[in-house]
PDB file of N, CA and C in Angstrom:
ATOM      1  N   MET A   1      -1.475 -13.785 -13.398  1.00  0.00           N
ATOM      2  CA  MET A   1      -1.234 -14.435 -11.760  1.00  0.00           C
ATOM      3  C   MET A   1      -2.100 -12.995 -11.538  1.00  0.00           C
ATOM      4  N   THR A   2      -2.438 -13.691  -9.835  1.00  0.00           N
ATOM      5  CA  THR A   2      -3.290 -12.862  -9.008  1.00  0.00           C
ATOM      6  C   THR A   2      -2.603 -12.159  -8.093  1.00  0.00           C
ATOM      7  N   TYR A   3      -3.265 -11.304  -7.399  1.00  0.00           N
ATOM      8  CA  TYR A   3      -2.740 -10.837  -6.087  1.00  0.00           C
ATOM      9  C   TYR A   3      -3.152 -11.784  -4.910  1.00  0.00           C
ATOM     10  N   LYS A   4      -2.129 -12.531  -4.468  1.00  0.00           N
ATOM     11  CA  LYS A   4      -2.720 -13.459  -3.806  1.00  0.00           C
ATOM     12  C   LYS A   4      -2.095 -13.150  -2.065  1.00  0.00           C
ATOM     13  N   TYR A   5      -1.124 -11.762  -1.906  1.00  0.00           N
ATOM     14  CA  TYR A   5      -0.802 -11.765  -0.595  1.00  0.00           C
ATOM     15  C   TYR A   5      -1.257 -10.058  -0.562  1.00  0.00           C
ATOM     16  N   GLY A   6      -1.729  -9.947   1.034  1.00  0.00           N
ATOM     17  CA  GLY A   6      -2.043  -8.638   1.557  1.00  0.00           C
ATOM     18  C   GLY A   6      -1.673  -8.505   2.674  1.00  0.00           C
ATOM     19  N   LEU A   7      -1.562  -6.804   2.902  1.00  0.00           N
ATOM     20  CA  LEU A   7      -1.051  -5.970   3.527  1.00  0.00           C
ATOM     21  C   LEU A   7      -1.545  -5.245   4.075  1.00  0.00           C
ATOM     22  N   VAL A   8      -1.859  -4.847   5.653  1.00  0.00           N
ATOM     23  CA  VAL A   8      -2.479  -3.831   6.150  1.00  0.00           C
ATOM     24  C   VAL A   8      -1.861  -2.478   6.142  1.00  0.00           C
ATOM     25  N   VAL A   9      -1.833  -1.362   5.837  1.00  0.00           N
ATOM     26  CA  VAL A   9      -0.755  -0.320   5.818  1.00  0.00           C
ATOM     27  C   VAL A   9      -1.600   0.962   6.318  1.00  0.00           C
ATOM     28  N   PRO A  10      -0.749   1.589   7.400  1.00  0.00           N
ATOM     29  CA  PRO A  10      -1.342   2.382   8.340  1.00  0.00           C
ATOM     30  C   PRO A  10      -1.360   3.846   7.836  1.00  0.00           C
ATOM     31  N   ILE A  11      -2.600   4.530   7.284  1.00  0.00           N
ATOM     32  CA  ILE A  11      -2.726   5.578   6.680  1.00  0.00           C
ATOM     33  C   ILE A  11      -3.935   6.582   6.827  1.00  0.00           C
ATOM     34  N   VAL A  12      -3.707   7.273   6.978  1.00  0.00           N
ATOM     35  CA  VAL A  12      -4.964   8.411   7.765  1.00  0.00           C
ATOM     36  C   VAL A  12      -5.266   9.413   7.304  1.00  0.00           C
ATOM     37  N   GLY A  13      -6.451  10.364   6.789  1.00  0.00           N
ATOM     38  CA  GLY A  13      -6.813  11.138   6.159  1.00  0.00           C
ATOM     39  C   GLY A  13      -7.425  10.932   4.818  1.00  0.00           C
ATOM     40  N   PRO A  14      -7.399  12.157   4.306  1.00  0.00           N
ATOM     41  CA  PRO A  14      -7.884  12.025   3.028  1.00  0.00           C
ATOM     42  C   PRO A  14      -6.985  11.400   1.743  1.00  0.00           C
ATOM     43  N   HIS A  15      -7.351  10.731   0.772  1.00  0.00           N
ATOM     44  CA  HIS A  15      -6.688  10.929  -0.809  1.00  0.00           C
ATOM     45  C   HIS A  15      -5.485   9.852  -0.383  1.00  0.00           C
ATOM     46  N   LYS A  16      -5.935   8.677   0.267  1.00  0.00           N
ATOM     47  CA  LYS A  16      -5.000   7.762   0.742  1.00  0.00           C
ATOM     48  C   LYS A  16      -4.926   6.720  -0.290  1.00  0.00           C
ATOM     49  N   ILE A  17      -5.224   6.715  -1.341  1.00  0.00           N
ATOM     50  CA  ILE A  17      -5.048   5.948  -2.490  1.00  0.00           C
ATOM     51  C   ILE A  17      -3.925   6.928  -3.264  1.00  0.00           C
ATOM     52  N   LYS A  18      -4.217   8.078  -3.718  1.00  0.00           N
ATOM     53  CA  LYS A  18      -3.437   8.928  -4.286  1.00  0.00           C
ATOM     54  C   LYS A  18      -1.891   9.308  -3.581  1.00  0.00           C
ATOM     55  N   ARG A  19      -2.023   9.440  -2.109  1.00  0.00           N
ATOM     56  CA  ARG A  19      -1.022   9.266  -1.160  1.00  0.00           C
ATOM     57  C   ARG A  19       0.015   8.011  -1.359  1.00  0.00           C
ATOM     58  N   PHE A  20      -0.761   6.807  -1.321  1.00  0.00           N
ATOM     59  CA  PHE A  20      -0.148   5.797  -1.393  1.00  0.00           C
ATOM     60  C   PHE A  20       0.593   5.608  -3.042  1.00  0.00           C
ATOM     61  N   LYS A  21       0.036   5.593  -3.700  1.00  0.00           N
ATOM     62  CA  LYS A  21       0.552   5.928  -5.108  1.00  0.00           C
ATOM     63  C   LYS A  21       2.005   6.552  -5.286  1.00  0.00           C
ATOM     64  N   SER A  22       1.789   7.923  -4.792  1.00  0.00           N
ATOM     65  CA  SER A  22       2.866   8.519  -4.744  1.00  0.00           C
ATOM     66  C   SER A  22       3.863   8.245  -3.682  1.00  0.00           C
ATOM     67  N   TRP A  23       3.921   7.692  -2.742  1.00  0.00           N
ATOM     68  CA  TRP A  23       4.776   7.246  -2.012  1.00  0.00           C
ATOM     69  C   TRP A  23       5.644   5.953  -2.660  1.00  0.00           C
ATOM     70  N   ALA A  24       4.958   5.219  -2.895  1.00  0.00           N
ATOM     71  CA  ALA A  24       5.279   3.735  -3.512  1.00  0.00           C
ATOM     72  C   ALA A  24       5.922   3.787  -5.013  1.00  0.00           C
ATOM     73  N   SER A  25       5.799   4.997  -5.563  1.00  0.00           N
ATOM     74  CA  SER A  25       6.359   4.899  -6.759  1.00  0.00           C
ATOM     75  C   SER A  25       7.918   6.000  -6.259  1.00  0.00           C
ATOM     76  N   ASN A  26       7.605   6.533  -5.585  1.00  0.00           N
ATOM     77  CA  ASN A  26       9.163   7.282  -5.128  1.00  0.00           C
ATOM     78  C   ASN A  26       9.625   6.359  -4.289  1.00  0.00           C
ATOM     79  N   THR A  27       9.489   5.295  -2.971  1.00  0.00           N
ATOM     80  CA  THR A  27      10.439   4.965  -2.353  1.00  0.00           C
ATOM     81  C   THR A  27      10.507   3.447  -3.035  1.00  0.00           C
ATOM     82  N   LEU A  28       9.237   2.522  -4.039  1.00  0.00           N
ATOM     83  CA  LEU A  28       9.470   1.261  -4.399  1.00  0.00           C
ATOM     84  C   LEU A  28       9.524   1.443  -5.757  1.00  0.00           C
ATOM     85  N   PRO A  29       9.897   1.870  -6.862  1.00  0.00           N
ATOM     86  CA  PRO A  29       9.698   1.770  -7.840  1.00  0.00           C
ATOM     87  C   PRO A  29       9.536   0.240  -8.446  1.00  0.00           C
ATOM     88  N   GLY A  30       8.594  -0.226  -9.434  1.00  0.00           N
ATOM     89  CA  GLY A  30       8.178  -1.330  -9.736  1.00  0.00           C
ATOM     90  C   GLY A  30       7.648  -2.387  -9.233  1.00  0.00           C
ATOM     91  N   LEU A  31       7.163  -2.056  -7.667  1.00  0.00           N
ATOM     92  CA  LEU A  31       6.495  -2.936  -6.993  1.00  0.00           C
ATOM     93  C   LEU A  31       5.135  -2.994  -7.989  1.00  0.00           C
ATOM     94  N   ASP A  32       4.710  -4.159  -7.473  1.00  0.00           N
ATOM     95  CA  ASP A  32       3.216  -4.716  -8.341  1.00  0.00           C
ATOM     96  C   ASP A  32       2.507  -4.862  -7.323  1.00  0.00           C
ATOM     97  N   TYR A  33       1.180  -4.006  -6.987  1.00  0.00           N
ATOM     98  CA  TYR A  33       0.375  -4.069  -6.235  1.00  0.00           C
ATOM     99  C   TYR A  33      -0.709  -3.875  -6.657  1.00  0.00           C
ATOM    100  N   ASN A  34      -1.917  -3.918  -6.164  1.00  0.00           N
ATOM    101  CA  ASN A  34      -3.240  -3.566  -6.263  1.00  0.00           C
ATOM    102  C   ASN A  34      -3.972  -2.929  -4.955  1.00  0.00           C
ATOM    103  N   LEU A  35      -4.507  -1.895  -5.129  1.00  0.00           N
ATOM    104  CA  LEU A  35      -5.495  -1.027  -4.087  1.00  0.00           C
ATOM    105  C   LEU A  35      -6.707  -1.266  -4.266  1.00  0.00           C
ATOM    106  N   PRO A  36      -7.752  -0.894  -3.167  1.00  0.00           N
ATOM    107  CA  PRO A  36      -9.161  -0.985  -3.438  1.00  0.00           C
ATOM    108  C   PRO A  36      -9.424   0.605  -4.070  1.00  0.00           C
ATOM    109  N   MET A  37     -10.624  -0.013  -4.769  1.00  0.00           N
ATOM    110  CA  MET A  37     -11.251   1.271  -5.515  1.00  0.00           C
ATOM    111  C   MET A  37     -11.200   2.672  -4.672  1.00  0.00           C
ATOM    112  N   GLN A  38     -11.893   2.480  -3.725  1.00  0.00           N
ATOM    113  CA  GLN A  38     -11.536   3.608  -2.478  1.00  0.00           C
ATOM    114  C   GLN A  38     -12.021   3.145  -1.016  1.00  0.00           C
ATOM    115  N   THR A  39     -11.567   3.791  -0.399  1.00  0.00           N
ATOM    116  CA  THR A  39     -11.366   4.067   0.955  1.00  0.00           C
ATOM    117  C   THR A  39     -12.190   5.231   1.946  1.00  0.00           C
ATOM    118  N   PRO A  40     -12.843   4.966   2.730  1.00  0.00           N
ATOM    119  CA  PRO A  40     -13.525   6.007   3.428  1.00  0.00           C
ATOM    120  C   PRO A  40     -12.664   6.640   4.329  1.00  0.00           C
ATOM    121  N   ILE A  41     -12.649   8.119   4.602  1.00  0.00           N
ATOM    122  CA  ILE A  41     -11.810   9.056   5.289  1.00  0.00           C
ATOM    123  C   ILE A  41     -11.589   8.628   6.395  1.00  0.00           C
ATOM    124  N   VAL A  42     -12.512   8.106   7.358  1.00  0.00           N
ATOM    125  CA  VAL A  42     -12.345   7.880   8.747  1.00  0.00           C
ATOM    126  C   VAL A  42     -11.553   6.699   8.844  1.00  0.00           C
ATOM    127  N   THR A  43     -11.346   5.607   8.071  1.00  0.00           N
ATOM    128  CA  THR A  43     -10.230   4.703   8.252  1.00  0.00           C
ATOM    129  C   THR A  43      -8.932   5.074   8.924  1.00  0.00           C
ATOM    130  N   THR A  44      -8.560   4.173   9.137  1.00  0.00           N
ATOM    131  CA  THR A  44      -7.175   4.708   9.386  1.00  0.00           C
ATOM    132  C   THR A  44      -6.059   3.511   8.866  1.00  0.00           C
ATOM    133  N   SER A  45      -6.637   2.596   8.275  1.00  0.00           N
ATOM    134  CA  SER A  45      -5.631   1.716   7.293  1.00  0.00           C
ATOM    135  C   SER A  45      -6.133   1.148   5.992  1.00  0.00           C
ATOM    136  N   MET A  46      -5.353   0.516   5.023  1.00  0.00           N
ATOM    137  CA  MET A  46      -5.565   0.198   3.839  1.00  0.00           C
ATOM    138  C   MET A  46      -4.902  -0.821   3.604  1.00  0.00           C
ATOM    139  N   THR A  47      -5.926  -2.078   3.029  1.00  0.00           N
ATOM    140  CA  THR A  47      -5.056  -3.056   2.274  1.00  0.00           C
ATOM    141  C   THR A  47      -4.691  -3.031   1.296  1.00  0.00           C
ATOM    142  N   VAL A  48      -3.341  -3.140   0.881  1.00  0.00           N
ATOM    143  CA  VAL A  48      -2.732  -3.545  -0.464  1.00  0.00           C
ATOM    144  C   VAL A  48      -2.346  -4.760  -0.744  1.00  0.00           C
ATOM    145  N   ARG A  49      -2.762  -5.208  -1.991  1.00  0.00           N
ATOM    146  CA  ARG A  49      -2.541  -6.593  -2.468  1.00  0.00           C
ATOM    147  C   ARG A  49      -1.449  -6.893  -3.239  1.00  0.00           C
ATOM    148  N   LEU A  50      -0.549  -7.837  -2.825  1.00  0.00           N
ATOM    149  CA  LEU A  50       0.399  -7.910  -3.557  1.00  0.00           C
ATOM    150  C   LEU A  50       0.800  -9.484  -4.383  1.00  0.00           C
ATOM    151  N   ARG A  51       1.553  -9.774  -5.228  1.00  0.00           N
ATOM    152  CA  ARG A  51       1.707 -10.621  -6.135  1.00  0.00           C
ATOM    153  C   ARG A  51       2.283 -11.488  -5.166  1.00  0.00           C
ATOM    154  N   SER A  52       3.588 -11.032  -4.696  1.00  0.00           N
ATOM    155  CA  SER A  52       4.564 -12.354  -4.306  1.00  0.00           C
ATOM    156  C   SER A  52       4.829 -11.889  -2.920  1.00  0.00           C
ATOM    157  N   VAL A  53       5.257 -13.144  -2.102  1.00  0.00           N
ATOM    158  CA  VAL A  53       5.662 -12.737  -0.730  1.00  0.00           C
ATOM    159  C   VAL A  53       7.159 -11.844  -1.048  1.00  0.00           C
ATOM    160  N   GLU A  54       8.091 -11.793  -2.045  1.00  0.00           N
ATOM    161  CA  GLU A  54       9.137 -10.880  -1.908  1.00  0.00           C
ATOM    162  C   GLU A  54       8.490  -9.626  -1.876  1.00  0.00           C
ATOM    163  N   ASP A  55       7.198  -9.709  -2.606  1.00  0.00           N
ATOM    164  CA  ASP A  55       6.761  -7.905  -3.145  1.00  0.00           C
ATOM    165  C   ASP A  55       6.488  -7.723  -1.509  1.00  0.00           C
ATOM    166  N   LYS A  56       5.582  -8.401  -0.493  1.00  0.00           N
ATOM    167  CA  LYS A  56       5.314  -8.126   0.545  1.00  0.00           C
ATOM    168  C   LYS A  56       6.449  -7.902   1.486  1.00  0.00           C
ATOM    169  N   ALA A  57       7.547  -8.582   1.371  1.00  0.00           N
ATOM    170  CA  ALA A  57       8.609  -8.209   2.490  1.00  0.00           C
ATOM    171  C   ALA A  57       9.276  -6.975   2.119  1.00  0.00           C
ATOM    172  N   ARG A  58       9.232  -6.757   0.541  1.00  0.00           N
ATOM    173  CA  ARG A  58      10.047  -5.428   0.136  1.00  0.00           C
ATOM    174  C   ARG A  58       8.965  -4.050   0.374  1.00  0.00           C
ATOM    175  N   LEU A  59       7.622  -4.542   0.371  1.00  0.00           N
ATOM    176  CA  LEU A  59       6.970  -3.307   0.776  1.00  0.00           C
ATOM    177  C   LEU A  59       7.158  -3.147   2.517  1.00  0.00           C
ATOM    178  N   GLU A  60       7.153  -4.510   3.359  1.00  0.00           N
ATOM    179  CA  GLU A  60       7.271  -4.383   5.017  1.00  0.00           C
ATOM    180  C   GLU A  60       8.462  -3.477   5.113  1.00  0.00           C
ATOM    181  N   ALA A  61       9.486  -4.098   4.594  1.00  0.00           N
ATOM    182  CA  ALA A  61      10.940  -2.936   4.968  1.00  0.00           C
ATOM    183  C   ALA A  61      11.077  -1.821   4.923  1.00  0.00           C
ATOM    184  N   ALA A  62      10.185  -1.261   3.825  1.00  0.00           N
ATOM    185  CA  ALA A  62      10.043   0.134   3.355  1.00  0.00           C
ATOM    186  C   ALA A  62       9.179   0.626   4.177  1.00  0.00           C
ATOM    187  N   LEU A  63       8.170   0.208   4.802  1.00  0.00           N
ATOM    188  CA  LEU A  63       7.126   0.940   5.404  1.00  0.00           C
ATOM    189  C   LEU A  63       7.631   1.814   6.486  1.00  0.00           C
ATOM    190  N   PRO A  64       6.907   3.187   6.407  1.00  0.00           N
ATOM    191  CA  PRO A  64       7.270   3.982   7.418  1.00  0.00           C
ATOM    192  C   PRO A  64       5.949   3.396   8.501  1.00  0.00           C
ATOM    193  N   ALA A  65       6.306   4.297   9.682  1.00  0.00           N
ATOM    194  CA  ALA A  65       4.887   3.975  11.384  1.00  0.00           C
ATOM    195  C   ALA A  65       3.625   4.291  10.461  1.00  0.00           C
ATOM    196  N   LEU A  66       3.903   5.863   9.683  1.00  0.00           N
ATOM    197  CA  LEU A  66       2.167   6.082   9.015  1.00  0.00           C
ATOM    198  C   LEU A  66       3.003   6.614   7.456  1.00  0.00           C
ATOM    199  N   VAL A  67       2.244   5.956   6.714  1.00  0.00           N
ATOM    200  CA  VAL A  67       2.327   6.514   5.009  1.00  0.00           C
ATOM    201  C   VAL A  67       2.178   8.114   5.132  1.00  0.00           C
ATOM    202  N   PRO A  68       3.145   9.000   4.730  1.00  0.00           N
ATOM    203  CA  PRO A  68       2.783  10.124   4.299  1.00  0.00           C
ATOM    204  C   PRO A  68       1.889  10.768   3.396  1.00  0.00           C
TER     205      PRO A  68
END
């Protein structure tokens, strides 16, 4: 199965991937997602790839205005 769905997540600052993984594991345990290998510090968002529409809806519902 592939990651067919994408969602752009607002996140700023360094260590975006590490912070998103920490937030997702605490907020949405069991969510199956794929992240980019790296993101530049200057970007203000990151694309998260998801396997299903249900996963996308679950992430959208739990997403704060800005990921901590």
